[in-house]
Amino acid sequence: MITVIDMLKTAAANYARYRQTRDEIANLPLDVALDLGIYPGDAERIAREAVYGKAA
């Protein structure tokens, strides 16, 4: 059974991964980001989908 503490730990870990991913994407040099087909302005959406999955 999953306890509330376990759920909070999981949520905190996911949020930390989201923030790190978002920050790394947002701080990519523009030429590198464009070469990868990433627009840095979409960092929040990309990170959210990477960590939490795509919303249905």
PDB file of N, CA and C in Angstrom:
ATOM      1  N   MET A   1       0.843  -1.176   0.000  1.00  0.00           N
ATOM      2  CA  MET A   1       0.000   0.000   0.000  1.00  0.00           C
ATOM      3  C   MET A   1       0.893   1.246   0.000  1.00  0.00           C
ATOM      4  N   ILE A   2       0.533   2.201  -0.810  1.00  0.00           N
ATOM      5  CA  ILE A   2       1.299   3.442  -0.906  1.00  0.00           C
ATOM      6  C   ILE A   2       0.811   4.400   0.180  1.00  0.00           C
ATOM      7  N   THR A   3       1.753   4.886   0.939  1.00  0.00           N
ATOM      8  CA  THR A   3       1.386   5.821   1.998  1.00  0.00           C
ATOM      9  C   THR A   3       1.454   7.251   1.482  1.00  0.00           C
ATOM     10  N   VAL A   4       0.904   8.143   2.264  1.00  0.00           N
ATOM     11  CA  VAL A   4       0.932   9.559   1.902  1.00  0.00           C
ATOM     12  C   VAL A   4       2.375  10.039   1.806  1.00  0.00           C
ATOM     13  N   ILE A   5       3.221   9.563   2.687  1.00  0.00           N
ATOM     14  CA  ILE A   5       4.637   9.958   2.670  1.00  0.00           C
ATOM     15  C   ILE A   5       5.296   9.522   1.364  1.00  0.00           C
ATOM     16  N   ASP A   6       5.006   8.299   0.928  1.00  0.00           N
ATOM     17  CA  ASP A   6       5.566   7.813  -0.334  1.00  0.00           C
ATOM     18  C   ASP A   6       5.083   8.647  -1.508  1.00  0.00           C
ATOM     19  N   MET A   7       3.811   9.022  -1.485  1.00  0.00           N
ATOM     20  CA  MET A   7       3.263   9.852  -2.559  1.00  0.00           C
ATOM     21  C   MET A   7       3.943  11.223  -2.577  1.00  0.00           C
ATOM     22  N   LEU A   8       4.180  11.792  -1.411  1.00  0.00           N
ATOM     23  CA  LEU A   8       4.853  13.094  -1.335  1.00  0.00           C
ATOM     24  C   LEU A   8       6.296  13.005  -1.815  1.00  0.00           C
ATOM     25  N   LYS A   9       6.975  11.922  -1.460  1.00  0.00           N
ATOM     26  CA  LYS A   9       8.355  11.728  -1.922  1.00  0.00           C
ATOM     27  C   LYS A   9       8.406  11.621  -3.442  1.00  0.00           C
ATOM     28  N   THR A  10       7.464  10.861  -4.003  1.00  0.00           N
ATOM     29  CA  THR A  10       7.407  10.700  -5.452  1.00  0.00           C
ATOM     30  C   THR A  10       7.112  12.030  -6.133  1.00  0.00           C
ATOM     31  N   ALA A  11       6.169  12.775  -5.589  1.00  0.00           N
ATOM     32  CA  ALA A  11       5.826  14.083  -6.163  1.00  0.00           C
ATOM     33  C   ALA A  11       7.018  15.033  -6.098  1.00  0.00           C
ATOM     34  N   ALA A  12       7.743  15.032  -4.997  1.00  0.00           N
ATOM     35  CA  ALA A  12       8.917  15.906  -4.854  1.00  0.00           C
ATOM     36  C   ALA A  12      10.007  15.506  -5.839  1.00  0.00           C
ATOM     37  N   ALA A  13      10.228  14.215  -6.008  1.00  0.00           N
ATOM     38  CA  ALA A  13      11.250  13.745  -6.947  1.00  0.00           C
ATOM     39  C   ALA A  13      10.873  14.109  -8.379  1.00  0.00           C
ATOM     40  N   ASN A  14       9.590  13.933  -8.727  1.00  0.00           N
ATOM     41  CA  ASN A  14       9.141  14.290 -10.076  1.00  0.00           C
ATOM     42  C   ASN A  14       9.284  15.783 -10.327  1.00  0.00           C
ATOM     43  N   TYR A  15       8.957  16.590  -9.336  1.00  0.00           N
ATOM     44  CA  TYR A  15       9.063  18.038  -9.507  1.00  0.00           C
ATOM     45  C   TYR A  15      10.530  18.449  -9.675  1.00  0.00           C
ATOM     46  N   ALA A  16      11.427  17.824  -8.936  1.00  0.00           N
ATOM     47  CA  ALA A  16      12.857  18.122  -9.078  1.00  0.00           C
ATOM     48  C   ALA A  16      13.345  17.759 -10.484  1.00  0.00           C
ATOM     49  N   ARG A  17      12.889  16.604 -11.005  1.00  0.00           N
ATOM     50  CA  ARG A  17      13.255  16.210 -12.377  1.00  0.00           C
ATOM     51  C   ARG A  17      12.688  17.183 -13.397  1.00  0.00           C
ATOM     52  N   TYR A  18      11.445  17.616 -13.169  1.00  0.00           N
ATOM     53  CA  TYR A  18      10.818  18.589 -14.067  1.00  0.00           C
ATOM     54  C   TYR A  18      11.617  19.882 -14.103  1.00  0.00           C
ATOM     55  N   ARG A  19      11.957  20.415 -12.938  1.00  0.00           N
ATOM     56  CA  ARG A  19      12.698  21.682 -12.877  1.00  0.00           C
ATOM     57  C   ARG A  19      14.064  21.570 -13.544  1.00  0.00           C
ATOM     58  N   GLN A  20      14.769  20.463 -13.288  1.00  0.00           N
ATOM     59  CA  GLN A  20      16.088  20.283 -13.889  1.00  0.00           C
ATOM     60  C   GLN A  20      15.973  20.184 -15.408  1.00  0.00           C
ATOM     61  N   THR A  21      15.016  19.412 -15.895  1.00  0.00           N
ATOM     62  CA  THR A  21      14.824  19.259 -17.332  1.00  0.00           C
ATOM     63  C   THR A  21      14.450  20.587 -17.970  1.00  0.00           C
ATOM     64  N   ARG A  22      13.504  21.301 -17.350  1.00  0.00           N
ATOM     65  CA  ARG A  22      13.062  22.606 -17.867  1.00  0.00           C
ATOM     66  C   ARG A  22      14.231  23.582 -17.941  1.00  0.00           C
ATOM     67  N   ASP A  23      15.026  23.638 -16.889  1.00  0.00           N
ATOM     68  CA  ASP A  23      16.153  24.571 -16.855  1.00  0.00           C
ATOM     69  C   ASP A  23      17.211  24.221 -17.898  1.00  0.00           C
ATOM     70  N   GLU A  24      17.475  22.931 -18.081  1.00  0.00           N
ATOM     71  CA  GLU A  24      18.468  22.534 -19.075  1.00  0.00           C
ATOM     72  C   GLU A  24      18.011  22.878 -20.488  1.00  0.00           C
ATOM     73  N   ILE A  25      16.749  22.649 -20.779  1.00  0.00           N
ATOM     74  CA  ILE A  25      16.223  22.981 -22.112  1.00  0.00           C
ATOM     75  C   ILE A  25      16.240  24.488 -22.328  1.00  0.00           C
ATOM     76  N   ALA A  26      15.790  25.237 -21.328  1.00  0.00           N
ATOM     77  CA  ALA A  26      15.717  26.696 -21.451  1.00  0.00           C
ATOM     78  C   ALA A  26      17.089  27.333 -21.601  1.00  0.00           C
ATOM     79  N   ASN A  27      18.118  26.681 -21.072  1.00  0.00           N
ATOM     80  CA  ASN A  27      19.467  27.258 -21.115  1.00  0.00           C
ATOM     81  C   ASN A  27      20.340  26.725 -22.247  1.00  0.00           C
ATOM     82  N   LEU A  28      19.741  25.923 -23.131  1.00  0.00           N
ATOM     83  CA  LEU A  28      20.509  25.470 -24.295  1.00  0.00           C
ATOM     84  C   LEU A  28      20.852  26.669 -25.174  1.00  0.00           C
ATOM     85  N   PRO A  29      22.052  26.681 -25.737  1.00  0.00           N
ATOM     86  CA  PRO A  29      22.338  27.732 -26.716  1.00  0.00           C
ATOM     87  C   PRO A  29      21.337  27.620 -27.866  1.00  0.00           C
ATOM     88  N   LEU A  30      20.910  28.740 -28.385  1.00  0.00           N
ATOM     89  CA  LEU A  30      19.857  28.761 -29.399  1.00  0.00           C
ATOM     90  C   LEU A  30      20.207  27.917 -30.614  1.00  0.00           C
ATOM     91  N   ASP A  31      21.464  27.992 -31.083  1.00  0.00           N
ATOM     92  CA  ASP A  31      21.828  27.213 -32.268  1.00  0.00           C
ATOM     93  C   ASP A  31      21.748  25.712 -32.008  1.00  0.00           C
ATOM     94  N   VAL A  32      22.129  25.272 -30.816  1.00  0.00           N
ATOM     95  CA  VAL A  32      22.044  23.850 -30.475  1.00  0.00           C
ATOM     96  C   VAL A  32      20.583  23.426 -30.375  1.00  0.00           C
ATOM     97  N   ALA A  33      19.773  24.246 -29.712  1.00  0.00           N
ATOM     98  CA  ALA A  33      18.351  23.927 -29.560  1.00  0.00           C
ATOM     99  C   ALA A  33      17.675  23.804 -30.922  1.00  0.00           C
ATOM    100  N   LEU A  34      17.945  24.740 -31.809  1.00  0.00           N
ATOM    101  CA  LEU A  34      17.325  24.699 -33.127  1.00  0.00           C
ATOM    102  C   LEU A  34      17.812  23.502 -33.936  1.00  0.00           C
ATOM    103  N   ASP A  35      19.091  23.134 -33.776  1.00  0.00           N
ATOM    104  CA  ASP A  35      19.601  21.942 -34.451  1.00  0.00           C
ATOM    105  C   ASP A  35      18.865  20.688 -33.981  1.00  0.00           C
ATOM    106  N   LEU A  36      18.463  20.681 -32.705  1.00  0.00           N
ATOM    107  CA  LEU A  36      17.744  19.539 -32.144  1.00  0.00           C
ATOM    108  C   LEU A  36      16.242  19.610 -32.413  1.00  0.00           C
ATOM    109  N   GLY A  37      15.797  20.711 -33.001  1.00  0.00           N
ATOM    110  CA  GLY A  37      14.386  20.880 -33.282  1.00  0.00           C
ATOM    111  C   GLY A  37      13.591  21.288 -32.052  1.00  0.00           C
ATOM    112  N   ILE A  38      14.264  21.950 -31.116  1.00  0.00           N
ATOM    113  CA  ILE A  38      13.619  22.375 -29.870  1.00  0.00           C
ATOM    114  C   ILE A  38      13.581  23.891 -29.830  1.00  0.00           C
ATOM    115  N   TYR A  39      12.430  24.431 -29.485  1.00  0.00           N
ATOM    116  CA  TYR A  39      12.320  25.876 -29.258  1.00  0.00           C
ATOM    117  C   TYR A  39      12.400  26.086 -27.747  1.00  0.00           C
ATOM    118  N   PRO A  40      13.416  26.812 -27.245  1.00  0.00           N
ATOM    119  CA  PRO A  40      13.594  26.984 -25.805  1.00  0.00           C
ATOM    120  C   PRO A  40      12.374  27.572 -25.089  1.00  0.00           C
ATOM    121  N   GLY A  41      11.535  28.300 -25.800  1.00  0.00           N
ATOM    122  CA  GLY A  41      10.325  28.835 -25.195  1.00  0.00           C
ATOM    123  C   GLY A  41       9.313  27.753 -24.825  1.00  0.00           C
ATOM    124  N   ASP A  42       9.493  26.565 -25.383  1.00  0.00           N
ATOM    125  CA  ASP A  42       8.617  25.435 -25.073  1.00  0.00           C
ATOM    126  C   ASP A  42       9.197  24.545 -23.970  1.00  0.00           C
ATOM    127  N   ALA A  43      10.188  25.037 -23.255  1.00  0.00           N
ATOM    128  CA  ALA A  43      10.877  24.228 -22.239  1.00  0.00           C
ATOM    129  C   ALA A  43       9.918  23.690 -21.191  1.00  0.00           C
ATOM    130  N   GLU A  44       8.978  24.506 -20.739  1.00  0.00           N
ATOM    131  CA  GLU A  44       8.043  24.050 -19.699  1.00  0.00           C
ATOM    132  C   GLU A  44       7.181  22.898 -20.204  1.00  0.00           C
ATOM    133  N   ARG A  45       6.644  23.037 -21.405  1.00  0.00           N
ATOM    134  CA  ARG A  45       5.782  21.988 -21.957  1.00  0.00           C
ATOM    135  C   ARG A  45       6.568  20.702 -22.186  1.00  0.00           C
ATOM    136  N   ILE A  46       7.752  20.831 -22.767  1.00  0.00           N
ATOM    137  CA  ILE A  46       8.577  19.651 -23.066  1.00  0.00           C
ATOM    138  C   ILE A  46       8.949  18.921 -21.777  1.00  0.00           C
ATOM    139  N   ALA A  47       9.373  19.679 -20.774  1.00  0.00           N
ATOM    140  CA  ALA A  47       9.766  19.067 -19.499  1.00  0.00           C
ATOM    141  C   ALA A  47       8.576  18.411 -18.818  1.00  0.00           C
ATOM    142  N   ARG A  48       7.421  19.067 -18.842  1.00  0.00           N
ATOM    143  CA  ARG A  48       6.222  18.510 -18.211  1.00  0.00           C
ATOM    144  C   ARG A  48       5.841  17.185 -18.871  1.00  0.00           C
ATOM    145  N   GLU A  49       5.869  17.153 -20.202  1.00  0.00           N
ATOM    146  CA  GLU A  49       5.525  15.918 -20.909  1.00  0.00           C
ATOM    147  C   GLU A  49       6.560  14.830 -20.658  1.00  0.00           C
ATOM    148  N   ALA A  50       7.827  15.212 -20.547  1.00  0.00           N
ATOM    149  CA  ALA A  50       8.885  14.223 -20.318  1.00  0.00           C
ATOM    150  C   ALA A  50       8.774  13.583 -18.933  1.00  0.00           C
ATOM    151  N   VAL A  51       8.413  14.376 -17.947  1.00  0.00           N
ATOM    152  CA  VAL A  51       8.380  13.866 -16.579  1.00  0.00           C
ATOM    153  C   VAL A  51       7.018  13.269 -16.222  1.00  0.00           C
ATOM    154  N   TYR A  52       5.947  13.955 -16.558  1.00  0.00           N
ATOM    155  CA  TYR A  52       4.621  13.542 -16.125  1.00  0.00           C
ATOM    156  C   TYR A  52       3.834  12.801 -17.203  1.00  0.00           C
ATOM    157  N   GLY A  53       4.326  12.803 -18.424  1.00  0.00           N
ATOM    158  CA  GLY A  53       3.608  12.174 -19.521  1.00  0.00           C
ATOM    159  C   GLY A  53       2.712  13.169 -20.231  1.00  0.00           C
ATOM    160  N   LYS A  54       2.288  12.790 -21.413  1.00  0.00           N
ATOM    161  CA  LYS A  54       1.458  13.665 -22.218  1.00  0.00           C
ATOM    162  C   LYS A  54       0.005  13.580 -21.742  1.00  0.00           C
ATOM    163  N   ALA A  55      -0.602  14.747 -21.566  1.00  0.00           N
ATOM    164  CA  ALA A  55      -1.997  14.791 -21.124  1.00  0.00           C
ATOM    165  C   ALA A  55      -2.909  14.293 -22.248  1.00  0.00           C
ATOM    166  N   ALA A  56      -3.911  13.565 -21.871  1.00  0.00           N
ATOM    167  CA  ALA A  56      -4.824  13.003 -22.861  1.00  0.00           C
ATOM    168  C   ALA A  56      -5.910  13.994 -23.223  1.00  0.00           C
TER     169      ALA A  56
END
